[in-house]
Amino acid sequence: MSRTRALIVVGLLVVFVIAGGVVMSAVSQHGGKARTFDVVVTHAATMVPDTLKANQNDTVTINVHSDVTGEVHLHVYDIAFSAVAGQVVSRTFKADKTCSCDLEWESTAHPLGVLVVSP
C-alpha cells in the first residue's frame, strides 16, 4: 500500500472515531437542561398540567399559581410550595433523583399531579 493510501485510511479512521464519540456522547447524555413548569391549582383539587416531565440532573423550576391559600407538597424531593391565593410561588431545584414524584394539596393529602424524572 502506498504511503498516501495509508494516510487516507488513518485519516478516515480518526474521523470515524471522533464522529462516533460525538454521537455516543449526545445519545447517552440526558439531563442538565433548565426546565420551567407553570402550573395552575384550582380549588385545591386540580392542577394543570398534571404531569411534569424532566430528566435526571435537570434544573427544575416549578411556578405554582393557586386560587386558594395552602401548601402544595412535592414528595420525594420534600419541597413545599406555600401557595397564596392569586400569587405565584416558585421553587428551583436540581432533579438529582429519578422518580414519579407526587404533588399533593398538603392539608387534605389530595393528589394534584406528578413530576416524572427519568434517568
N, C-alpha and C. Protein backbone atom coordinates (compact mmCIF):
# COMPACT_ATOMS: atom_id res chain seq x y z
N MET A 1 0.85 -1.17 0.00
CA MET A 1 0.00 0.00 0.00
C MET A 1 0.90 1.24 0.00
N SER A 2 0.50 2.22 -0.76
CA SER A 2 1.31 3.43 -0.85
C SER A 2 1.15 4.27 0.42
N ARG A 3 2.08 5.13 0.62
CA ARG A 3 2.07 6.00 1.79
C ARG A 3 0.83 6.91 1.78
N THR A 4 0.44 7.38 0.63
CA THR A 4 -0.73 8.26 0.50
C THR A 4 -2.00 7.51 0.92
N ARG A 5 -2.16 6.29 0.45
CA ARG A 5 -3.34 5.49 0.82
C ARG A 5 -3.35 5.22 2.31
N ALA A 6 -2.22 4.92 2.89
CA ALA A 6 -2.13 4.66 4.33
C ALA A 6 -2.56 5.90 5.12
N LEU A 7 -2.14 7.08 4.69
CA LEU A 7 -2.54 8.32 5.36
C LEU A 7 -4.04 8.56 5.23
N ILE A 8 -4.59 8.24 4.07
CA ILE A 8 -6.03 8.40 3.87
C ILE A 8 -6.80 7.46 4.80
N VAL A 9 -6.36 6.21 4.90
CA VAL A 9 -7.03 5.23 5.77
C VAL A 9 -6.95 5.69 7.22
N VAL A 10 -5.79 6.14 7.67
CA VAL A 10 -5.62 6.63 9.04
C VAL A 10 -6.51 7.85 9.26
N GLY A 11 -6.55 8.76 8.31
CA GLY A 11 -7.40 9.94 8.43
C GLY A 11 -8.87 9.59 8.55
N LEU A 12 -9.32 8.64 7.73
CA LEU A 12 -10.73 8.20 7.81
C LEU A 12 -11.03 7.55 9.15
N LEU A 13 -10.11 6.73 9.65
CA LEU A 13 -10.31 6.11 10.96
C LEU A 13 -10.44 7.16 12.06
N VAL A 14 -9.61 8.17 12.01
CA VAL A 14 -9.67 9.24 13.01
C VAL A 14 -11.02 9.95 12.93
N VAL A 15 -11.49 10.25 11.71
CA VAL A 15 -12.78 10.92 11.54
C VAL A 15 -13.91 10.04 12.10
N PHE A 16 -13.90 8.74 11.80
CA PHE A 16 -14.94 7.85 12.31
C PHE A 16 -14.91 7.76 13.83
N VAL A 17 -13.75 7.69 14.42
CA VAL A 17 -13.64 7.61 15.88
C VAL A 17 -14.18 8.89 16.53
N ILE A 18 -13.82 10.03 15.99
CA ILE A 18 -14.31 11.30 16.54
C ILE A 18 -15.82 11.42 16.36
N ALA A 19 -16.31 11.11 15.17
CA ALA A 19 -17.76 11.19 14.91
C ALA A 19 -18.52 10.22 15.83
N GLY A 20 -17.99 9.02 16.00
CA GLY A 20 -18.63 8.05 16.88
C GLY A 20 -18.68 8.54 18.31
N GLY A 21 -17.61 9.16 18.78
CA GLY A 21 -17.58 9.70 20.13
C GLY A 21 -18.59 10.81 20.33
N VAL A 22 -18.73 11.67 19.34
CA VAL A 22 -19.71 12.76 19.42
C VAL A 22 -21.12 12.20 19.47
N VAL A 23 -21.42 11.25 18.61
CA VAL A 23 -22.76 10.64 18.58
C VAL A 23 -23.06 9.93 19.89
N MET A 24 -22.12 9.13 20.38
CA MET A 24 -22.33 8.40 21.64
C MET A 24 -22.54 9.36 22.81
N SER A 25 -21.80 10.44 22.83
CA SER A 25 -21.94 11.42 23.90
C SER A 25 -23.32 12.07 23.86
N ALA A 26 -23.77 12.43 22.67
CA ALA A 26 -25.08 13.07 22.53
C ALA A 26 -26.21 12.13 22.91
N VAL A 27 -26.09 10.87 22.56
CA VAL A 27 -27.15 9.90 22.84
C VAL A 27 -27.19 9.54 24.32
N SER A 28 -26.04 9.40 24.95
CA SER A 28 -26.00 8.92 26.32
C SER A 28 -26.20 10.02 27.35
N GLN A 29 -26.10 11.27 26.95
CA GLN A 29 -26.18 12.37 27.90
C GLN A 29 -27.61 12.87 28.01
N HIS A 30 -28.21 12.62 29.16
CA HIS A 30 -29.55 13.14 29.44
C HIS A 30 -29.44 14.11 30.60
N GLY A 31 -30.32 15.06 30.62
CA GLY A 31 -30.36 15.95 31.77
C GLY A 31 -29.45 17.14 31.60
N GLY A 32 -29.42 17.92 32.65
CA GLY A 32 -28.61 19.10 32.65
C GLY A 32 -29.26 20.31 32.01
N LYS A 33 -30.50 20.19 31.60
CA LYS A 33 -31.21 21.31 30.99
C LYS A 33 -32.04 22.04 32.05
N ALA A 34 -32.35 23.28 31.75
CA ALA A 34 -33.26 24.05 32.60
C ALA A 34 -34.68 23.76 32.14
N ARG A 35 -35.53 23.39 33.07
CA ARG A 35 -36.94 23.11 32.77
C ARG A 35 -37.80 23.96 33.69
N THR A 36 -38.73 24.69 33.11
CA THR A 36 -39.64 25.53 33.89
C THR A 36 -41.07 25.09 33.61
N PHE A 37 -41.82 24.90 34.69
CA PHE A 37 -43.21 24.49 34.59
C PHE A 37 -44.08 25.51 35.30
N ASP A 38 -45.10 26.00 34.61
CA ASP A 38 -46.10 26.87 35.20
C ASP A 38 -47.34 26.04 35.41
N VAL A 39 -47.73 25.85 36.68
CA VAL A 39 -48.91 25.04 36.96
C VAL A 39 -49.97 25.90 37.64
N VAL A 40 -51.21 25.56 37.37
CA VAL A 40 -52.34 26.27 37.96
C VAL A 40 -53.14 25.28 38.81
N VAL A 41 -53.26 25.61 40.10
CA VAL A 41 -54.04 24.78 41.02
C VAL A 41 -55.37 25.48 41.24
N THR A 42 -56.45 24.71 41.05
CA THR A 42 -57.80 25.25 41.18
C THR A 42 -58.54 24.54 42.30
N HIS A 43 -59.07 25.32 43.25
CA HIS A 43 -59.88 24.82 44.37
C HIS A 43 -59.16 23.74 45.18
N ALA A 44 -57.84 23.75 45.18
CA ALA A 44 -57.03 22.75 45.90
C ALA A 44 -57.37 21.32 45.46
N ALA A 45 -57.87 21.20 44.24
CA ALA A 45 -58.34 19.89 43.78
C ALA A 45 -57.73 19.45 42.45
N THR A 46 -57.41 20.39 41.58
CA THR A 46 -56.84 20.03 40.28
C THR A 46 -55.61 20.89 39.98
N MET A 47 -54.75 20.33 39.14
CA MET A 47 -53.55 21.04 38.71
C MET A 47 -53.40 20.86 37.21
N VAL A 48 -53.15 21.95 36.50
CA VAL A 48 -52.95 21.91 35.05
C VAL A 48 -51.62 22.58 34.73
N PRO A 49 -50.72 21.90 34.03
CA PRO A 49 -50.80 20.50 33.64
C PRO A 49 -50.61 19.60 34.86
N ASP A 50 -51.09 18.37 34.76
CA ASP A 50 -50.99 17.47 35.92
C ASP A 50 -49.80 16.52 35.84
N THR A 51 -49.08 16.51 34.71
CA THR A 51 -47.87 15.69 34.58
C THR A 51 -46.73 16.58 34.08
N LEU A 52 -45.66 16.59 34.86
CA LEU A 52 -44.46 17.36 34.52
C LEU A 52 -43.34 16.35 34.26
N LYS A 53 -42.57 16.56 33.19
CA LYS A 53 -41.52 15.60 32.83
C LYS A 53 -40.17 16.29 32.76
N ALA A 54 -39.17 15.65 33.38
CA ALA A 54 -37.80 16.15 33.37
C ALA A 54 -36.86 14.97 33.32
N ASN A 55 -35.58 15.24 33.11
CA ASN A 55 -34.55 14.22 33.15
C ASN A 55 -33.68 14.44 34.37
N GLN A 56 -33.07 13.37 34.83
CA GLN A 56 -32.17 13.46 35.96
C GLN A 56 -31.08 14.48 35.63
N ASN A 57 -30.73 15.29 36.61
CA ASN A 57 -29.74 16.37 36.53
C ASN A 57 -30.25 17.64 35.88
N ASP A 58 -31.52 17.67 35.47
CA ASP A 58 -32.10 18.93 35.01
C ASP A 58 -32.24 19.87 36.20
N THR A 59 -32.22 21.16 35.92
CA THR A 59 -32.57 22.17 36.93
C THR A 59 -34.04 22.51 36.68
N VAL A 60 -34.87 22.18 37.66
CA VAL A 60 -36.32 22.30 37.51
C VAL A 60 -36.83 23.50 38.31
N THR A 61 -37.63 24.32 37.65
CA THR A 61 -38.34 25.41 38.33
C THR A 61 -39.82 25.14 38.17
N ILE A 62 -40.53 25.13 39.28
CA ILE A 62 -41.99 24.97 39.25
C ILE A 62 -42.60 26.25 39.81
N ASN A 63 -43.46 26.87 39.01
CA ASN A 63 -44.19 28.07 39.41
C ASN A 63 -45.63 27.66 39.66
N VAL A 64 -46.08 27.82 40.90
CA VAL A 64 -47.44 27.41 41.27
C VAL A 64 -48.33 28.65 41.38
N HIS A 65 -49.41 28.64 40.60
CA HIS A 65 -50.45 29.67 40.66
C HIS A 65 -51.65 28.98 41.31
N SER A 66 -52.21 29.55 42.36
CA SER A 66 -53.34 28.92 43.02
C SER A 66 -54.43 29.94 43.30
N ASP A 67 -55.67 29.47 43.30
CA ASP A 67 -56.78 30.36 43.62
C ASP A 67 -57.16 30.28 45.09
N VAL A 68 -56.49 29.41 45.86
CA VAL A 68 -56.70 29.32 47.31
C VAL A 68 -55.35 29.27 48.01
N THR A 69 -55.34 29.65 49.28
CA THR A 69 -54.12 29.63 50.06
C THR A 69 -53.94 28.27 50.72
N GLY A 70 -52.74 27.75 50.67
CA GLY A 70 -52.44 26.45 51.27
C GLY A 70 -51.09 25.97 50.79
N GLU A 71 -50.80 24.71 51.04
CA GLU A 71 -49.49 24.17 50.67
C GLU A 71 -49.59 23.07 49.64
N VAL A 72 -48.79 23.22 48.57
CA VAL A 72 -48.60 22.16 47.60
C VAL A 72 -47.28 21.50 47.97
N HIS A 73 -47.31 20.17 48.09
CA HIS A 73 -46.11 19.44 48.53
C HIS A 73 -45.64 18.51 47.42
N LEU A 74 -44.33 18.58 47.11
CA LEU A 74 -43.70 17.68 46.14
C LEU A 74 -42.98 16.60 46.91
N HIS A 75 -43.50 15.38 46.82
CA HIS A 75 -42.90 14.24 47.52
C HIS A 75 -41.58 13.83 46.87
N VAL A 76 -40.84 13.01 47.54
CA VAL A 76 -39.50 12.53 47.20
C VAL A 76 -38.49 13.65 47.40
N TYR A 77 -38.72 14.80 46.81
CA TYR A 77 -37.82 15.93 46.99
C TYR A 77 -38.16 16.72 48.25
N ASP A 78 -39.34 16.48 48.82
CA ASP A 78 -39.81 17.12 50.05
C ASP A 78 -39.73 18.64 49.95
N ILE A 79 -40.37 19.16 48.90
CA ILE A 79 -40.39 20.60 48.67
C ILE A 79 -41.81 21.10 48.88
N ALA A 80 -41.92 22.16 49.69
CA ALA A 80 -43.22 22.77 49.97
C ALA A 80 -43.36 24.08 49.19
N PHE A 81 -44.51 24.25 48.60
CA PHE A 81 -44.87 25.50 47.92
C PHE A 81 -45.97 26.13 48.76
N SER A 82 -45.66 27.21 49.45
CA SER A 82 -46.65 27.89 50.29
C SER A 82 -47.48 28.80 49.40
N ALA A 83 -48.52 28.24 48.84
CA ALA A 83 -49.36 28.95 47.88
C ALA A 83 -50.20 30.01 48.59
N VAL A 84 -50.28 31.17 47.95
CA VAL A 84 -51.13 32.25 48.41
C VAL A 84 -52.07 32.58 47.26
N ALA A 85 -53.36 32.61 47.55
CA ALA A 85 -54.36 32.85 46.51
C ALA A 85 -54.01 34.08 45.68
N GLY A 86 -53.98 33.88 44.35
CA GLY A 86 -53.73 34.98 43.43
C GLY A 86 -52.27 35.33 43.23
N GLN A 87 -51.36 34.63 43.92
CA GLN A 87 -49.93 34.92 43.77
C GLN A 87 -49.22 33.70 43.19
N VAL A 88 -47.98 33.91 42.77
CA VAL A 88 -47.17 32.83 42.23
C VAL A 88 -46.06 32.52 43.23
N VAL A 89 -45.88 31.24 43.52
CA VAL A 89 -44.76 30.82 44.35
C VAL A 89 -43.89 29.88 43.52
N SER A 90 -42.58 30.09 43.57
CA SER A 90 -41.66 29.32 42.74
C SER A 90 -40.61 28.62 43.59
N ARG A 91 -40.21 27.45 43.13
CA ARG A 91 -39.10 26.71 43.74
C ARG A 91 -38.25 26.17 42.59
N THR A 92 -36.94 26.27 42.76
CA THR A 92 -35.99 25.73 41.79
C THR A 92 -35.11 24.73 42.49
N PHE A 93 -34.88 23.58 41.84
CA PHE A 93 -34.07 22.52 42.45
C PHE A 93 -33.42 21.68 41.37
N LYS A 94 -32.41 20.94 41.76
CA LYS A 94 -31.71 20.01 40.87
C LYS A 94 -32.46 18.68 40.94
N ALA A 95 -32.87 18.16 39.80
CA ALA A 95 -33.59 16.87 39.75
C ALA A 95 -32.55 15.74 39.80
N ASP A 96 -32.04 15.49 41.00
CA ASP A 96 -30.96 14.52 41.15
C ASP A 96 -31.45 13.11 41.49
N LYS A 97 -32.77 12.94 41.61
CA LYS A 97 -33.35 11.63 41.90
C LYS A 97 -34.36 11.27 40.80
N THR A 98 -34.31 10.03 40.34
CA THR A 98 -35.35 9.60 39.40
C THR A 98 -36.57 9.20 40.22
N CYS A 99 -37.74 9.50 39.69
CA CYS A 99 -38.95 9.20 40.45
C CYS A 99 -40.19 9.49 39.61
N SER A 100 -41.28 9.07 40.17
CA SER A 100 -42.60 9.51 39.78
C SER A 100 -43.09 10.19 41.06
N CYS A 101 -42.80 11.47 41.22
CA CYS A 101 -42.99 12.20 42.47
C CYS A 101 -44.37 12.83 42.51
N ASP A 102 -45.13 12.49 43.53
CA ASP A 102 -46.47 13.04 43.66
C ASP A 102 -46.43 14.48 44.13
N LEU A 103 -47.35 15.28 43.57
CA LEU A 103 -47.63 16.62 44.06
C LEU A 103 -49.02 16.55 44.67
N GLU A 104 -49.16 17.06 45.90
CA GLU A 104 -50.46 16.98 46.56
C GLU A 104 -50.77 18.27 47.31
N TRP A 105 -52.07 18.46 47.55
CA TRP A 105 -52.50 19.55 48.42
C TRP A 105 -52.32 19.03 49.84
N GLU A 106 -51.40 19.60 50.55
CA GLU A 106 -50.90 19.03 51.81
C GLU A 106 -51.98 18.84 52.87
N SER A 107 -52.82 19.81 53.10
CA SER A 107 -53.77 19.72 54.21
C SER A 107 -54.79 18.59 54.05
N THR A 108 -55.09 18.23 52.81
CA THR A 108 -56.07 17.17 52.57
C THR A 108 -55.44 15.91 51.99
N ALA A 109 -54.14 15.98 51.67
CA ALA A 109 -53.42 14.89 51.00
C ALA A 109 -54.05 14.55 49.64
N HIS A 110 -54.74 15.52 49.06
CA HIS A 110 -55.39 15.30 47.76
C HIS A 110 -54.33 15.35 46.65
N PRO A 111 -54.26 14.30 45.82
CA PRO A 111 -53.27 14.30 44.73
C PRO A 111 -53.63 15.34 43.66
N LEU A 112 -52.61 16.07 43.23
CA LEU A 112 -52.80 17.09 42.19
C LEU A 112 -52.15 16.68 40.88
N GLY A 113 -51.01 16.00 40.97
CA GLY A 113 -50.28 15.64 39.76
C GLY A 113 -49.01 14.91 40.10
N VAL A 114 -48.12 14.83 39.11
CA VAL A 114 -46.88 14.08 39.28
C VAL A 114 -45.74 14.74 38.49
N LEU A 115 -44.57 14.68 39.09
CA LEU A 115 -43.34 15.07 38.41
C LEU A 115 -42.61 13.77 38.10
N VAL A 116 -42.38 13.49 36.82
CA VAL A 116 -41.67 12.29 36.40
C VAL A 116 -40.25 12.70 36.03
N VAL A 117 -39.27 12.15 36.77
CA VAL A 117 -37.86 12.42 36.48
C VAL A 117 -37.25 11.13 35.96
N SER A 118 -36.85 11.13 34.70
CA SER A 118 -36.30 9.95 34.04
C SER A 118 -34.77 9.99 34.08
N PRO A 119 -34.16 8.78 34.06
CA PRO A 119 -32.68 8.74 34.06
C PRO A 119 -32.11 9.29 32.77
